[in-house]
Protein backbone atom coordinates (compact mmCIF):
# COMPACT_ATOMS: atom_id res chain seq x y z
CA UNK A 1 0.00 0.00 0.00
CA UNK A 2 1.33 3.42 -0.96
CA UNK A 3 1.56 6.10 1.73
CA UNK A 4 0.33 9.54 0.76
CA UNK A 5 1.13 12.72 2.61
CA UNK A 6 -2.04 14.30 3.95
CA UNK A 7 -2.55 18.02 3.80
CA UNK A 8 -4.87 18.63 6.75
CA UNK A 9 -7.55 21.29 6.55
CA UNK A 10 -7.33 21.89 10.31
CA UNK A 11 -4.41 22.08 12.75
CA UNK A 12 -4.13 21.98 16.51
CA UNK A 13 -2.66 25.13 18.09
CA UNK A 14 0.87 23.72 18.42
CA UNK A 15 0.97 22.71 14.78
CA UNK A 16 -0.62 26.02 13.77
CA UNK A 17 2.18 27.80 15.63
CA UNK A 18 4.81 25.82 13.73
CA UNK A 19 2.95 26.54 10.48
CA UNK A 20 3.14 30.30 11.15
CA UNK A 21 6.60 30.24 12.70
CA UNK A 22 5.50 31.55 16.09
CA UNK A 23 5.12 30.06 19.56
CA UNK A 24 2.03 28.18 20.76
CA UNK A 25 1.64 30.88 23.42
CA UNK A 26 1.36 33.51 20.67
CA UNK A 27 -1.35 31.49 18.88
CA UNK A 28 -3.29 31.16 22.15
CA UNK A 29 -2.94 34.90 22.72
CA UNK A 30 -4.33 35.65 19.26
CA UNK A 31 -7.24 33.28 19.95
CA UNK A 32 -7.99 34.96 23.30
CA UNK A 33 -7.91 38.42 21.69
CA UNK A 34 -10.27 37.24 18.93
CA UNK A 35 -7.69 37.81 16.20
CA UNK A 36 -7.51 34.20 15.03
CA UNK A 37 -10.69 32.14 14.50
CA UNK A 38 -10.80 28.62 15.93
CA UNK A 39 -13.22 25.80 16.64
CA UNK A 40 -13.47 24.12 20.02
CA UNK A 41 -14.32 20.51 19.19
CA UNK A 42 -14.34 19.38 22.82
CA UNK A 43 -13.19 20.69 26.18
CA UNK A 44 -9.55 19.90 25.35
CA UNK A 45 -9.50 19.93 21.54
CA UNK A 46 -9.15 23.16 19.58
CA UNK A 47 -8.76 23.20 15.80
CA UNK A 48 -7.75 26.06 13.51
CA UNK A 49 -8.47 26.03 9.78
CA UNK A 50 -5.38 26.28 7.59
CA UNK A 51 -7.32 28.69 5.36
CA UNK A 52 -7.81 30.96 8.40
CA UNK A 53 -4.08 30.76 9.17
CA UNK A 54 -3.24 31.72 5.59
CA UNK A 55 -5.69 34.64 5.65
CA UNK A 56 -4.36 35.83 9.01
CA UNK A 57 -0.75 35.64 7.81
CA UNK A 58 -1.62 37.57 4.63
CA UNK A 59 -3.41 40.25 6.66
CA UNK A 60 -0.44 40.65 9.02
CA UNK A 61 2.24 40.59 6.31
CA UNK A 62 4.63 43.53 6.40
CA UNK A 63 6.41 44.45 3.19
CA UNK A 64 9.86 45.95 3.42
CA UNK A 65 10.62 49.09 1.47
CA UNK A 66 12.07 48.16 -1.89
CA UNK A 67 10.17 44.88 -2.33
C-alpha atoms as a PDB file:
ATOM      1  CA  UNK A   1       0.000   0.000   0.000  1.00  0.00           C
ATOM      2  CA  UNK A   2       1.327   3.424  -0.957  1.00  0.00           C
ATOM      3  CA  UNK A   3       1.557   6.103   1.729  1.00  0.00           C
ATOM      4  CA  UNK A   4       0.332   9.536   0.763  1.00  0.00           C
ATOM      5  CA  UNK A   5       1.133  12.722   2.608  1.00  0.00           C
ATOM      6  CA  UNK A   6      -2.038  14.299   3.951  1.00  0.00           C
ATOM      7  CA  UNK A   7      -2.549  18.024   3.797  1.00  0.00           C
ATOM      8  CA  UNK A   8      -4.875  18.628   6.748  1.00  0.00           C
ATOM      9  CA  UNK A   9      -7.547  21.290   6.545  1.00  0.00           C
ATOM     10  CA  UNK A  10      -7.331  21.889  10.314  1.00  0.00           C
ATOM     11  CA  UNK A  11      -4.408  22.083  12.749  1.00  0.00           C
ATOM     12  CA  UNK A  12      -4.134  21.978  16.506  1.00  0.00           C
ATOM     13  CA  UNK A  13      -2.656  25.134  18.093  1.00  0.00           C
ATOM     14  CA  UNK A  14       0.871  23.723  18.424  1.00  0.00           C
ATOM     15  CA  UNK A  15       0.973  22.712  14.776  1.00  0.00           C
ATOM     16  CA  UNK A  16      -0.616  26.017  13.773  1.00  0.00           C
ATOM     17  CA  UNK A  17       2.179  27.803  15.634  1.00  0.00           C
ATOM     18  CA  UNK A  18       4.812  25.820  13.729  1.00  0.00           C
ATOM     19  CA  UNK A  19       2.947  26.538  10.475  1.00  0.00           C
ATOM     20  CA  UNK A  20       3.140  30.301  11.149  1.00  0.00           C
ATOM     21  CA  UNK A  21       6.605  30.237  12.703  1.00  0.00           C
ATOM     22  CA  UNK A  22       5.501  31.548  16.095  1.00  0.00           C
ATOM     23  CA  UNK A  23       5.120  30.060  19.561  1.00  0.00           C
ATOM     24  CA  UNK A  24       2.031  28.181  20.761  1.00  0.00           C
ATOM     25  CA  UNK A  25       1.642  30.879  23.417  1.00  0.00           C
ATOM     26  CA  UNK A  26       1.361  33.506  20.669  1.00  0.00           C
ATOM     27  CA  UNK A  27      -1.348  31.493  18.884  1.00  0.00           C
ATOM     28  CA  UNK A  28      -3.293  31.157  22.155  1.00  0.00           C
ATOM     29  CA  UNK A  29      -2.942  34.900  22.716  1.00  0.00           C
ATOM     30  CA  UNK A  30      -4.328  35.648  19.256  1.00  0.00           C
ATOM     31  CA  UNK A  31      -7.237  33.283  19.954  1.00  0.00           C
ATOM     32  CA  UNK A  32      -7.994  34.961  23.296  1.00  0.00           C
ATOM     33  CA  UNK A  33      -7.913  38.418  21.690  1.00  0.00           C
ATOM     34  CA  UNK A  34     -10.273  37.243  18.934  1.00  0.00           C
ATOM     35  CA  UNK A  35      -7.695  37.815  16.197  1.00  0.00           C
ATOM     36  CA  UNK A  36      -7.509  34.195  15.031  1.00  0.00           C
ATOM     37  CA  UNK A  37     -10.693  32.145  14.502  1.00  0.00           C
ATOM     38  CA  UNK A  38     -10.797  28.620  15.932  1.00  0.00           C
ATOM     39  CA  UNK A  39     -13.224  25.796  16.645  1.00  0.00           C
ATOM     40  CA  UNK A  40     -13.471  24.124  20.022  1.00  0.00           C
ATOM     41  CA  UNK A  41     -14.317  20.514  19.194  1.00  0.00           C
ATOM     42  CA  UNK A  42     -14.336  19.384  22.819  1.00  0.00           C
ATOM     43  CA  UNK A  43     -13.190  20.688  26.182  1.00  0.00           C
ATOM     44  CA  UNK A  44      -9.554  19.904  25.350  1.00  0.00           C
ATOM     45  CA  UNK A  45      -9.501  19.930  21.537  1.00  0.00           C
ATOM     46  CA  UNK A  46      -9.146  23.162  19.585  1.00  0.00           C
ATOM     47  CA  UNK A  47      -8.760  23.203  15.802  1.00  0.00           C
ATOM     48  CA  UNK A  48      -7.745  26.056  13.512  1.00  0.00           C
ATOM     49  CA  UNK A  49      -8.473  26.027   9.779  1.00  0.00           C
ATOM     50  CA  UNK A  50      -5.383  26.282   7.588  1.00  0.00           C
ATOM     51  CA  UNK A  51      -7.322  28.693   5.360  1.00  0.00           C
ATOM     52  CA  UNK A  52      -7.806  30.960   8.404  1.00  0.00           C
ATOM     53  CA  UNK A  53      -4.082  30.765   9.167  1.00  0.00           C
ATOM     54  CA  UNK A  54      -3.239  31.724   5.589  1.00  0.00           C
ATOM     55  CA  UNK A  55      -5.690  34.642   5.649  1.00  0.00           C
ATOM     56  CA  UNK A  56      -4.364  35.828   9.015  1.00  0.00           C
ATOM     57  CA  UNK A  57      -0.753  35.643   7.814  1.00  0.00           C
ATOM     58  CA  UNK A  58      -1.616  37.572   4.632  1.00  0.00           C
ATOM     59  CA  UNK A  59      -3.409  40.248   6.657  1.00  0.00           C
ATOM     60  CA  UNK A  60      -0.437  40.646   9.017  1.00  0.00           C
ATOM     61  CA  UNK A  61       2.235  40.594   6.311  1.00  0.00           C
ATOM     62  CA  UNK A  62       4.629  43.535   6.402  1.00  0.00           C
ATOM     63  CA  UNK A  63       6.409  44.451   3.187  1.00  0.00           C
ATOM     64  CA  UNK A  64       9.858  45.951   3.420  1.00  0.00           C
ATOM     65  CA  UNK A  65      10.621  49.087   1.472  1.00  0.00           C
ATOM     66  CA  UNK A  66      12.074  48.164  -1.891  1.00  0.00           C
ATOM     67  CA  UNK A  67      10.173  44.880  -2.329  1.00  0.00           C
END
